[in-house]
PDB file of N, CA and C in Angstrom:
ATOM      1  N   MET A   1      98.430  93.499 109.250  1.00  0.00           N
ATOM      2  CA  MET A   1      98.226  93.697 107.839  1.00  0.00           C
ATOM      3  C   MET A   1      97.137  94.750 107.626  1.00  0.00           C
ATOM      4  N   THR A   2      97.239  95.423 106.493  1.00  0.00           N
ATOM      5  CA  THR A   2      96.324  96.504 106.169  1.00  0.00           C
ATOM      6  C   THR A   2      95.788  96.304 104.763  1.00  0.00           C
ATOM      7  N   ILE A   3      94.564  96.727 104.536  1.00  0.00           N
ATOM      8  CA  ILE A   3      93.975  96.679 103.201  1.00  0.00           C
ATOM      9  C   ILE A   3      94.047  98.075 102.608  1.00  0.00           C
ATOM     10  N   GLY A   4      94.558  98.172 101.386  1.00  0.00           N
ATOM     11  CA  GLY A   4      94.642  99.451 100.689  1.00  0.00           C
ATOM     12  C   GLY A   4      93.694  99.469  99.508  1.00  0.00           C
ATOM     13  N   PHE A   5      93.264 100.675  99.143  1.00  0.00           N
ATOM     14  CA  PHE A   5      92.380 100.846  98.000  1.00  0.00           C
ATOM     15  C   PHE A   5      93.015 101.841  97.036  1.00  0.00           C
ATOM     16  N   TYR A   6      92.999 101.527  95.740  1.00  0.00           N
ATOM     17  CA  TYR A   6      93.476 102.433  94.710  1.00  0.00           C
ATOM     18  C   TYR A   6      92.583 102.254  93.496  1.00  0.00           C
ATOM     19  N   GLY A   7      91.913 103.310  93.112  1.00  0.00           N
ATOM     20  CA  GLY A   7      90.969 103.196  92.004  1.00  0.00           C
ATOM     21  C   GLY A   7      89.845 102.265  92.405  1.00  0.00           C
ATOM     22  N   ALA A   8      89.607 101.246  91.617  1.00  0.00           N
ATOM     23  CA  ALA A   8      88.560 100.274  91.928  1.00  0.00           C
ATOM     24  C   ALA A   8      89.164  98.970  92.439  1.00  0.00           C
ATOM     25  N   HIS A   9      90.407  98.998  92.899  1.00  0.00           N
ATOM     26  CA  HIS A   9      91.097  97.784  93.327  1.00  0.00           C
ATOM     27  C   HIS A   9      91.402  97.830  94.819  1.00  0.00           C
ATOM     28  N   ALA A  10      91.323  96.702  95.444  1.00  0.00           N
ATOM     29  CA  ALA A  10      91.725  96.540  96.842  1.00  0.00           C
ATOM     30  C   ALA A  10      92.927  95.600  96.876  1.00  0.00           C
ATOM     31  N   PHE A  11      93.845  95.857  97.797  1.00  0.00           N
ATOM     32  CA  PHE A  11      95.033  95.022  97.899  1.00  0.00           C
ATOM     33  C   PHE A  11      95.458  94.918  99.355  1.00  0.00           C
ATOM     34  N   LEU A  12      96.202  93.889  99.654  1.00  0.00           N
ATOM     35  CA  LEU A  12      96.672  93.621 101.003  1.00  0.00           C
ATOM     36  C   LEU A  12      98.078  94.173 101.164  1.00  0.00           C
ATOM     37  N   ILE A  13      98.293  95.021 102.165  1.00  0.00           N
ATOM     38  CA  ILE A  13      99.610  95.592 102.439  1.00  0.00           C
ATOM     39  C   ILE A  13     100.253  94.764 103.541  1.00  0.00           C
ATOM     40  N   THR A  14     101.319  94.064 103.195  1.00  0.00           N
ATOM     41  CA  THR A  14     102.001  93.235 104.180  1.00  0.00           C
ATOM     42  C   THR A  14     103.174  93.968 104.816  1.00  0.00           C
ATOM     43  N   ASN A  15     103.763  94.939 104.111  1.00  0.00           N
ATOM     44  CA  ASN A  15     104.906  95.684 104.634  1.00  0.00           C
ATOM     45  C   ASN A  15     104.643  97.166 104.412  1.00  0.00           C
ATOM     46  N   ILE A  16     104.028  97.821 105.384  1.00  0.00           N
ATOM     47  CA  ILE A  16     103.647  99.222 105.231  1.00  0.00           C
ATOM     48  C   ILE A  16     104.866 100.148 105.219  1.00  0.00           C
ATOM     49  N   GLU A  17     105.962  99.750 105.854  1.00  0.00           N
ATOM     50  CA  GLU A  17     107.168 100.573 105.835  1.00  0.00           C
ATOM     51  C   GLU A  17     107.735 100.676 104.419  1.00  0.00           C
ATOM     52  N   LYS A  18     107.683  99.592 103.680  1.00  0.00           N
ATOM     53  CA  LYS A  18     108.167  99.595 102.303  1.00  0.00           C
ATOM     54  C   LYS A  18     107.269 100.468 101.426  1.00  0.00           C
ATOM     55  N   LEU A  19     105.966 100.387 101.618  1.00  0.00           N
ATOM     56  CA  LEU A  19     105.026 101.182 100.850  1.00  0.00           C
ATOM     57  C   LEU A  19     105.196 102.673 101.155  1.00  0.00           C
ATOM     58  N   ALA A  20     105.501 102.995 102.392  1.00  0.00           N
ATOM     59  CA  ALA A  20     105.652 104.393 102.789  1.00  0.00           C
ATOM     60  C   ALA A  20     106.886 105.031 102.156  1.00  0.00           C
ATOM     61  N   ARG A  21     107.841 104.232 101.694  1.00  0.00           N
ATOM     62  CA  ARG A  21     109.046 104.769 101.070  1.00  0.00           C
ATOM     63  C   ARG A  21     108.936 104.902  99.559  1.00  0.00           C
ATOM     64  N   LEU A  22     107.750 104.688  98.997  1.00  0.00           N
ATOM     65  CA  LEU A  22     107.568 104.802  97.558  1.00  0.00           C
ATOM     66  C   LEU A  22     107.013 106.168  97.195  1.00  0.00           C
ATOM     67  N   TYR A  23     107.501 106.706  96.094  1.00  0.00           N
ATOM     68  CA  TYR A  23     107.006 107.961  95.542  1.00  0.00           C
ATOM     69  C   TYR A  23     106.368 107.646  94.200  1.00  0.00           C
ATOM     70  N   ALA A  24     105.180 108.173  93.946  1.00  0.00           N
ATOM     71  CA  ALA A  24     104.475 107.896  92.692  1.00  0.00           C
ATOM     72  C   ALA A  24     104.231 109.191  91.935  1.00  0.00           C
ATOM     73  N   CYS A  25     104.445 109.147  90.632  1.00  0.00           N
ATOM     74  CA  CYS A  25     104.193 110.287  89.760  1.00  0.00           C
ATOM     75  C   CYS A  25     102.688 110.466  89.603  1.00  0.00           C
ATOM     76  N   ALA A  26     102.203 111.677  89.744  1.00  0.00           N
ATOM     77  CA  ALA A  26     100.777 111.942  89.640  1.00  0.00           C
ATOM     78  C   ALA A  26     100.278 111.876  88.205  1.00  0.00           C
ATOM     79  N   HIS A  27     101.199 111.921  87.238  1.00  0.00           N
ATOM     80  CA  HIS A  27     100.787 111.957  85.848  1.00  0.00           C
ATOM     81  C   HIS A  27     100.850 110.595  85.174  1.00  0.00           C
ATOM     82  N   CYS A  28     101.904 109.814  85.433  1.00  0.00           N
ATOM     83  CA  CYS A  28     102.051 108.533  84.739  1.00  0.00           C
ATOM     84  C   CYS A  28     101.962 107.329  85.678  1.00  0.00           C
ATOM     85  N   ASN A  29     101.803 107.574  86.975  1.00  0.00           N
ATOM     86  CA  ASN A  29     101.681 106.530  87.999  1.00  0.00           C
ATOM     87  C   ASN A  29     102.914 105.647  88.134  1.00  0.00           C
ATOM     88  N   GLN A  30     104.050 106.092  87.613  1.00  0.00           N
ATOM     89  CA  GLN A  30     105.282 105.330  87.797  1.00  0.00           C
ATOM     90  C   GLN A  30     105.764 105.531  89.228  1.00  0.00           C
ATOM     91  N   GLN A  31     106.315 104.475  89.845  1.00  0.00           N
ATOM     92  CA  GLN A  31     106.732 104.543  91.235  1.00  0.00           C
ATOM     93  C   GLN A  31     108.249 104.555  91.345  1.00  0.00           C
ATOM     94  N   PHE A  32     108.757 105.289  92.344  1.00  0.00           N
ATOM     95  CA  PHE A  32     110.181 105.426  92.575  1.00  0.00           C
ATOM     96  C   PHE A  32     110.481 105.234  94.051  1.00  0.00           C
ATOM     97  N   THR A  33     111.715 104.825  94.346  1.00  0.00           N
ATOM     98  CA  THR A  33     112.127 104.637  95.734  1.00  0.00           C
ATOM     99  C   THR A  33     112.837 105.865  96.284  1.00  0.00           C
ATOM    100  N   LYS A  34     113.244 106.794  95.416  1.00  0.00           N
ATOM    101  CA  LYS A  34     113.934 108.013  95.852  1.00  0.00           C
ATOM    102  C   LYS A  34     113.209 109.237  95.337  1.00  0.00           C
ATOM    103  N   ASP A  35     113.179 110.278  96.159  1.00  0.00           N
ATOM    104  CA  ASP A  35     112.553 111.530  95.772  1.00  0.00           C
ATOM    105  C   ASP A  35     113.274 112.165  94.583  1.00  0.00           C
ATOM    106  N   SER A  36     114.580 112.025  94.514  1.00  0.00           N
ATOM    107  CA  SER A  36     115.343 112.610  93.404  1.00  0.00           C
ATOM    108  C   SER A  36     114.944 111.987  92.065  1.00  0.00           C
ATOM    109  N   ASN A  37     114.640 110.697  92.057  1.00  0.00           N
ATOM    110  CA  ASN A  37     114.197 110.045  90.823  1.00  0.00           C
ATOM    111  C   ASN A  37     112.814 110.553  90.403  1.00  0.00           C
ATOM    112  N   LEU A  38     111.959 110.828  91.377  1.00  0.00           N
ATOM    113  CA  LEU A  38     110.649 111.382  91.072  1.00  0.00           C
ATOM    114  C   LEU A  38     110.782 112.780  90.485  1.00  0.00           C
ATOM    115  N   GLN A  39     111.691 113.581  91.029  1.00  0.00           N
ATOM    116  CA  GLN A  39     111.911 114.930  90.505  1.00  0.00           C
ATOM    117  C   GLN A  39     112.449 114.883  89.079  1.00  0.00           C
ATOM    118  N   ARG A  40     113.340 113.944  88.797  1.00  0.00           N
ATOM    119  CA  ARG A  40     113.879 113.793  87.441  1.00  0.00           C
ATOM    120  C   ARG A  40     112.776 113.364  86.485  1.00  0.00           C
ATOM    121  N   ASN A  41     111.904 112.482  86.926  1.00  0.00           N
ATOM    122  CA  ASN A  41     110.792 112.031  86.099  1.00  0.00           C
ATOM    123  C   ASN A  41     109.826 113.179  85.809  1.00  0.00           C
ATOM    124  N   ALA A  42     109.655 114.084  86.757  1.00  0.00           N
ATOM    125  CA  ALA A  42     108.726 115.196  86.576  1.00  0.00           C
ATOM    126  C   ALA A  42     109.137 116.071  85.400  1.00  0.00           C
ATOM    127  N   LYS A  43     110.418 116.154  85.117  1.00  0.00           N
ATOM    128  CA  LYS A  43     110.891 116.958  83.991  1.00  0.00           C
ATOM    129  C   LYS A  43     110.651 116.255  82.664  1.00  0.00           C
ATOM    130  N   ARG A  44     110.655 114.927  82.655  1.00  0.00           N
ATOM    131  CA  ARG A  44     110.556 114.144  81.423  1.00  0.00           C
ATOM    132  C   ARG A  44     109.166 113.562  81.174  1.00  0.00           C
ATOM    133  N   CYS A  45     108.336 113.587  82.158  1.00  0.00           N
ATOM    134  CA  CYS A  45     107.075 112.848  82.142  1.00  0.00           C
ATOM    135  C   CYS A  45     106.049 113.457  81.205  1.00  0.00           C
ATOM    136  N   THR A  46     105.763 112.833  80.132  1.00  0.00           N
ATOM    137  CA  THR A  46     104.673 113.134  79.187  1.00  0.00           C
ATOM    138  C   THR A  46     104.271 114.600  79.149  1.00  0.00           C
ATOM    139  N   LYS A  47     105.227 115.449  79.239  1.00  0.00           N
ATOM    140  CA  LYS A  47     104.986 116.899  79.187  1.00  0.00           C
ATOM    141  C   LYS A  47     103.981 117.350  80.230  1.00  0.00           C
ATOM    142  N   ARG A  48     103.979 116.653  81.343  1.00  0.00           N
ATOM    143  CA  ARG A  48     103.121 116.958  82.494  1.00  0.00           C
ATOM    144  C   ARG A  48     101.639 116.950  82.156  1.00  0.00           C
ATOM    145  N   GLU A  49     101.260 116.132  81.191  1.00  0.00           N
ATOM    146  CA  GLU A  49      99.853 115.962  80.867  1.00  0.00           C
ATOM    147  C   GLU A  49      99.358 114.689  81.541  1.00  0.00           C
ATOM    148  N   THR A  50      98.233 114.762  82.161  1.00  0.00           N
ATOM    149  CA  THR A  50      97.670 113.599  82.827  1.00  0.00           C
ATOM    150  C   THR A  50      97.176 112.607  81.785  1.00  0.00           C
ATOM    151  N   GLN A  51      97.540 111.353  81.953  1.00  0.00           N
ATOM    152  CA  GLN A  51      97.108 110.318  81.036  1.00  0.00           C
ATOM    153  C   GLN A  51      95.828 109.679  81.560  1.00  0.00           C
ATOM    154  N   VAL A  52      94.913 109.408  80.653  1.00  0.00           N
ATOM    155  CA  VAL A  52      93.660 108.763  81.009  1.00  0.00           C
ATOM    156  C   VAL A  52      93.710 107.344  80.466  1.00  0.00           C
ATOM    157  N   CYS A  53      93.517 106.375  81.322  1.00  0.00           N
ATOM    158  CA  CYS A  53      93.530 104.967  80.921  1.00  0.00           C
ATOM    159  C   CYS A  53      92.091 104.490  80.777  1.00  0.00           C
ATOM    160  N   CYS A  54      91.751 104.043  79.598  1.00  0.00           N
ATOM    161  CA  CYS A  54      90.428 103.477  79.341  1.00  0.00           C
ATOM    162  C   CYS A  54      90.629 101.997  79.075  1.00  0.00           C
ATOM    163  N   GLN A  55      90.265 101.179  79.989  1.00  0.00           N
ATOM    164  CA  GLN A  55      90.562  99.760  79.907  1.00  0.00           C
ATOM    165  C   GLN A  55      89.449  99.018  79.184  1.00  0.00           C
ATOM    166  N   GLY A  56      89.627  98.853  77.876  1.00  0.00           N
ATOM    167  CA  GLY A  56      88.705  98.061  77.095  1.00  0.00           C
ATOM    168  C   GLY A  56      87.368  98.720  76.808  1.00  0.00           C
ATOM    169  N   GLU A  57      87.247 100.002  77.099  1.00  0.00           N
ATOM    170  CA  GLU A  57      85.989 100.679  76.863  1.00  0.00           C
ATOM    171  C   GLU A  57      86.101 101.536  75.615  1.00  0.00           C
ATOM    172  N   LEU A  58      85.054 101.589  74.845  1.00  0.00           N
ATOM    173  CA  LEU A  58      85.008 102.418  73.665  1.00  0.00           C
ATOM    174  C   LEU A  58      84.699 103.846  74.101  1.00  0.00           C
ATOM    175  N   VAL A  59      85.569 104.775  73.739  1.00  0.00           N
ATOM    176  CA  VAL A  59      85.398 106.173  74.119  1.00  0.00           C
ATOM    177  C   VAL A  59      85.071 106.953  72.863  1.00  0.00           C
ATOM    178  N   GLU A  60      83.960 107.638  72.878  1.00  0.00           N
ATOM    179  CA  GLU A  60      83.534 108.420  71.728  1.00  0.00           C
ATOM    180  C   GLU A  60      83.371 109.883  72.131  1.00  0.00           C
ATOM    181  N   ARG A  61      83.527 110.744  71.146  1.00  0.00           N
ATOM    182  CA  ARG A  61      83.351 112.164  71.369  1.00  0.00           C
ATOM    183  C   ARG A  61      81.859 112.447  71.492  1.00  0.00           C
ATOM    184  N   PRO A  62      81.440 113.233  72.486  1.00  0.00           N
ATOM    185  CA  PRO A  62      80.012 113.529  72.600  1.00  0.00           C
ATOM    186  C   PRO A  62      79.548 114.390  71.431  1.00  0.00           C
ATOM    187  N   GLN A  63      78.315 114.194  71.018  1.00  0.00           N
ATOM    188  CA  GLN A  63      77.774 114.955  69.899  1.00  0.00           C
ATOM    189  C   GLN A  63      77.477 116.391  70.339  1.00  0.00           C
ATOM    190  N   SER A  64      77.657 117.299  69.392  1.00  0.00           N
ATOM    191  CA  SER A  64      77.327 118.692  69.674  1.00  0.00           C
ATOM    192  C   SER A  64      75.833 118.913  69.435  1.00  0.00           C
ATOM    193  N   ALA A  65      75.347 120.098  69.693  1.00  0.00           N
ATOM    194  CA  ALA A  65      73.942 120.417  69.502  1.00  0.00           C
ATOM    195  C   ALA A  65      73.563 120.394  68.030  1.00  0.00           C
ATOM    196  N   TYR A  66      74.536 120.563  67.130  1.00  0.00           N
ATOM    197  CA  TYR A  66      74.262 120.589  65.691  1.00  0.00           C
ATOM    198  C   TYR A  66      74.237 119.201  65.074  1.00  0.00           C
ATOM    199  N   GLU A  67      74.759 118.206  65.759  1.00  0.00           N
ATOM    200  CA  GLU A  67      74.804 116.845  65.221  1.00  0.00           C
ATOM    201  C   GLU A  67      73.579 116.141  65.627  1.00  0.00           C
TER     202      GLU A  67
END
């Protein structure tokens, strides 16, 4: 067994062969079992803009020098 890390999470990998066959989109983190599905998603995926996930945190715009 292997321990994997993603972001701030740790998880136990029981079947590394299955994990090695997954493809993940760099923009929306959706996972696919075939490369062709990942390529199709790349054309449709949120206009290729990276999404930022803020989990329960208040995000405010920084003040400018004039504020």
